[in-house]
Amino acid sequence: MNAEELDMKFDQGLEILEHFDLSSAKRPGLETKRVNVDFPVWMVEALDKEATRLGVHRHAIIKTWIPQILDAKVV
């Protein structure tokens, strides 16, 4: 199947995923990289308090808040 045929199927609302190998699909820019960060004790305690209040782990708070702050800064 060539690109034009694939475009036509897509435009007609037909199923096209069967033509792709999703087992090797990757989302660019979403690869992970482990980093270590040192926080002051008061900050860890505040994160833990908020995590307990929300019923989640500390890392969930960090992984939620940092993207929110970075998204707000991006123009």
N, C-alpha and C. Protein backbone atom coordinates (compact mmCIF):
# COMPACT_ATOMS: atom_id res chain seq x y z
N MET A 1 0.85 -1.17 0.00
CA MET A 1 0.00 0.00 0.00
C MET A 1 0.90 1.23 0.00
N ASN A 2 0.60 2.17 -0.86
CA ASN A 2 1.40 3.38 -0.91
C ASN A 2 0.76 4.46 -0.03
N ALA A 3 1.45 5.59 0.09
CA ALA A 3 1.01 6.66 0.99
C ALA A 3 -0.34 7.24 0.56
N GLU A 4 -0.56 7.36 -0.73
CA GLU A 4 -1.84 7.91 -1.21
C GLU A 4 -3.01 7.01 -0.84
N GLU A 5 -2.82 5.70 -0.98
CA GLU A 5 -3.88 4.75 -0.61
C GLU A 5 -4.15 4.80 0.89
N LEU A 6 -3.08 4.92 1.67
CA LEU A 6 -3.24 5.01 3.12
C LEU A 6 -3.98 6.29 3.51
N ASP A 7 -3.61 7.39 2.89
CA ASP A 7 -4.31 8.67 3.14
C ASP A 7 -5.79 8.57 2.79
N MET A 8 -6.09 7.91 1.68
CA MET A 8 -7.47 7.79 1.24
C MET A 8 -8.27 6.96 2.25
N LYS A 9 -7.69 5.85 2.72
CA LYS A 9 -8.37 5.03 3.73
C LYS A 9 -8.63 5.84 5.00
N PHE A 10 -7.62 6.59 5.42
CA PHE A 10 -7.76 7.41 6.62
C PHE A 10 -8.86 8.45 6.44
N ASP A 11 -8.85 9.14 5.32
CA ASP A 11 -9.86 10.16 5.04
C ASP A 11 -11.27 9.59 4.99
N GLN A 12 -11.38 8.32 4.60
CA GLN A 12 -12.69 7.66 4.53
C GLN A 12 -13.12 7.10 5.89
N GLY A 13 -12.24 7.25 6.90
CA GLY A 13 -12.57 6.77 8.24
C GLY A 13 -12.39 5.28 8.40
N LEU A 14 -11.65 4.66 7.47
CA LEU A 14 -11.41 3.22 7.53
C LEU A 14 -10.27 2.91 8.48
N GLU A 15 -10.19 1.67 8.92
CA GLU A 15 -9.15 1.23 9.85
C GLU A 15 -7.80 1.19 9.12
N ILE A 16 -6.80 1.87 9.69
CA ILE A 16 -5.48 1.87 9.06
C ILE A 16 -4.41 1.29 9.97
N LEU A 17 -4.70 1.10 11.26
CA LEU A 17 -3.67 0.63 12.19
C LEU A 17 -3.16 -0.76 11.84
N GLU A 18 -3.95 -1.53 11.13
CA GLU A 18 -3.52 -2.87 10.75
C GLU A 18 -2.30 -2.83 9.82
N HIS A 19 -2.01 -1.68 9.26
CA HIS A 19 -0.90 -1.53 8.34
C HIS A 19 0.39 -1.07 9.03
N PHE A 20 0.36 -0.96 10.34
CA PHE A 20 1.51 -0.48 11.09
C PHE A 20 1.97 -1.52 12.09
N ASP A 21 3.26 -1.56 12.34
CA ASP A 21 3.83 -2.41 13.39
C ASP A 21 3.97 -1.56 14.65
N LEU A 22 2.98 -1.65 15.54
CA LEU A 22 2.97 -0.82 16.75
C LEU A 22 3.90 -1.34 17.84
N SER A 23 4.43 -2.55 17.66
CA SER A 23 5.31 -3.11 18.70
C SER A 23 6.60 -2.32 18.85
N SER A 24 7.00 -1.61 17.81
CA SER A 24 8.23 -0.83 17.88
C SER A 24 7.95 0.68 17.86
N ALA A 25 6.69 1.06 18.03
CA ALA A 25 6.34 2.47 18.00
C ALA A 25 6.88 3.18 19.25
N LYS A 26 7.36 4.39 19.04
CA LYS A 26 7.87 5.20 20.15
C LYS A 26 7.29 6.60 20.03
N ARG A 27 7.14 7.26 21.16
CA ARG A 27 6.65 8.64 21.17
C ARG A 27 7.85 9.55 21.38
N PRO A 28 8.24 10.29 20.34
CA PRO A 28 9.43 11.15 20.44
C PRO A 28 9.30 12.17 21.58
N GLY A 29 10.40 12.37 22.26
CA GLY A 29 10.43 13.36 23.33
C GLY A 29 9.90 12.85 24.66
N LEU A 30 9.42 11.60 24.70
CA LEU A 30 8.89 11.07 25.95
C LEU A 30 9.75 9.95 26.53
N GLU A 31 10.97 9.80 25.97
CA GLU A 31 11.88 8.83 26.55
C GLU A 31 12.20 9.29 27.97
N THR A 32 12.49 8.36 28.84
CA THR A 32 12.79 8.75 30.22
C THR A 32 14.29 8.71 30.48
N LYS A 33 14.69 9.50 31.44
CA LYS A 33 16.07 9.54 31.90
C LYS A 33 16.03 9.73 33.40
N ARG A 34 16.68 8.84 34.10
CA ARG A 34 16.70 8.91 35.56
C ARG A 34 17.65 10.00 36.02
N VAL A 35 17.18 10.81 36.97
CA VAL A 35 18.02 11.85 37.56
C VAL A 35 17.87 11.79 39.08
N ASN A 36 18.89 12.20 39.75
CA ASN A 36 18.85 12.28 41.22
C ASN A 36 18.85 13.75 41.60
N VAL A 37 17.95 14.10 42.50
CA VAL A 37 17.83 15.48 42.94
C VAL A 37 17.83 15.50 44.46
N ASP A 38 18.60 16.39 45.02
CA ASP A 38 18.61 16.56 46.48
C ASP A 38 17.70 17.71 46.85
N PHE A 39 16.77 17.46 47.78
CA PHE A 39 15.86 18.47 48.28
C PHE A 39 16.15 18.72 49.75
N PRO A 40 15.92 19.94 50.22
CA PRO A 40 16.03 20.18 51.66
C PRO A 40 14.97 19.37 52.41
N VAL A 41 15.25 19.07 53.65
CA VAL A 41 14.36 18.25 54.46
C VAL A 41 12.96 18.83 54.51
N TRP A 42 12.85 20.16 54.67
CA TRP A 42 11.52 20.77 54.78
C TRP A 42 10.70 20.52 53.52
N MET A 43 11.39 20.49 52.36
CA MET A 43 10.69 20.28 51.11
C MET A 43 10.20 18.83 50.99
N VAL A 44 11.04 17.89 51.38
CA VAL A 44 10.64 16.48 51.36
C VAL A 44 9.46 16.25 52.30
N GLU A 45 9.50 16.88 53.46
CA GLU A 45 8.39 16.74 54.42
C GLU A 45 7.11 17.33 53.84
N ALA A 46 7.21 18.47 53.16
CA ALA A 46 6.03 19.08 52.54
C ALA A 46 5.50 18.21 51.42
N LEU A 47 6.40 17.64 50.62
CA LEU A 47 5.97 16.73 49.55
C LEU A 47 5.29 15.49 50.12
N ASP A 48 5.86 14.95 51.18
CA ASP A 48 5.28 13.77 51.80
C ASP A 48 3.90 14.07 52.40
N LYS A 49 3.76 15.23 53.00
CA LYS A 49 2.48 15.63 53.57
C LYS A 49 1.42 15.73 52.48
N GLU A 50 1.76 16.36 51.36
CA GLU A 50 0.82 16.50 50.25
C GLU A 50 0.52 15.15 49.62
N ALA A 51 1.54 14.31 49.50
CA ALA A 51 1.33 12.97 48.94
C ALA A 51 0.39 12.16 49.82
N THR A 52 0.56 12.25 51.12
CA THR A 52 -0.33 11.54 52.05
C THR A 52 -1.75 12.07 51.92
N ARG A 53 -1.89 13.38 51.83
CA ARG A 53 -3.22 13.99 51.71
C ARG A 53 -3.93 13.49 50.46
N LEU A 54 -3.17 13.35 49.37
CA LEU A 54 -3.76 12.92 48.10
C LEU A 54 -3.81 11.39 47.95
N GLY A 55 -3.11 10.68 48.83
CA GLY A 55 -3.10 9.22 48.76
C GLY A 55 -2.24 8.69 47.62
N VAL A 56 -1.14 9.40 47.33
CA VAL A 56 -0.22 8.97 46.27
C VAL A 56 1.20 8.96 46.83
N HIS A 57 2.14 8.50 46.01
CA HIS A 57 3.54 8.50 46.41
C HIS A 57 4.18 9.86 46.11
N ARG A 58 5.25 10.14 46.80
CA ARG A 58 5.98 11.40 46.64
C ARG A 58 6.38 11.64 45.18
N HIS A 59 6.88 10.60 44.52
CA HIS A 59 7.33 10.80 43.14
C HIS A 59 6.18 11.18 42.21
N ALA A 60 4.95 10.77 42.54
CA ALA A 60 3.80 11.15 41.72
C ALA A 60 3.56 12.66 41.81
N ILE A 61 3.74 13.21 42.99
CA ILE A 61 3.59 14.66 43.17
C ILE A 61 4.64 15.39 42.34
N ILE A 62 5.88 14.95 42.45
CA ILE A 62 6.97 15.59 41.72
C ILE A 62 6.75 15.48 40.22
N LYS A 63 6.36 14.29 39.75
CA LYS A 63 6.18 14.08 38.31
C LYS A 63 4.95 14.81 37.77
N THR A 64 4.05 15.23 38.63
CA THR A 64 2.88 16.00 38.21
C THR A 64 3.18 17.49 38.25
N TRP A 65 3.79 17.95 39.32
CA TRP A 65 4.01 19.38 39.49
C TRP A 65 5.06 19.96 38.54
N ILE A 66 6.15 19.26 38.34
CA ILE A 66 7.21 19.81 37.50
C ILE A 66 6.72 20.07 36.07
N PRO A 67 6.02 19.13 35.42
CA PRO A 67 5.51 19.45 34.08
C PRO A 67 4.52 20.60 34.07
N GLN A 68 3.71 20.71 35.10
CA GLN A 68 2.75 21.83 35.17
C GLN A 68 3.49 23.16 35.21
N ILE A 69 4.52 23.22 36.02
CA ILE A 69 5.29 24.46 36.12
C ILE A 69 6.02 24.75 34.82
N LEU A 70 6.61 23.74 34.21
CA LEU A 70 7.34 23.94 32.96
C LEU A 70 6.39 24.33 31.84
N ASP A 71 5.21 23.73 31.77
CA ASP A 71 4.22 24.09 30.74
C ASP A 71 3.77 25.53 30.90
N ALA A 72 3.64 25.98 32.13
CA ALA A 72 3.21 27.36 32.37
C ALA A 72 4.28 28.36 31.94
N LYS A 73 5.54 27.95 31.96
CA LYS A 73 6.66 28.84 31.61
C LYS A 73 6.92 28.89 30.12
N VAL A 74 6.50 27.86 29.39
CA VAL A 74 6.76 27.80 27.95
C VAL A 74 5.84 28.77 27.23
N VAL A 75 6.43 29.58 26.38
CA VAL A 75 5.65 30.58 25.65
C VAL A 75 5.39 30.11 24.24
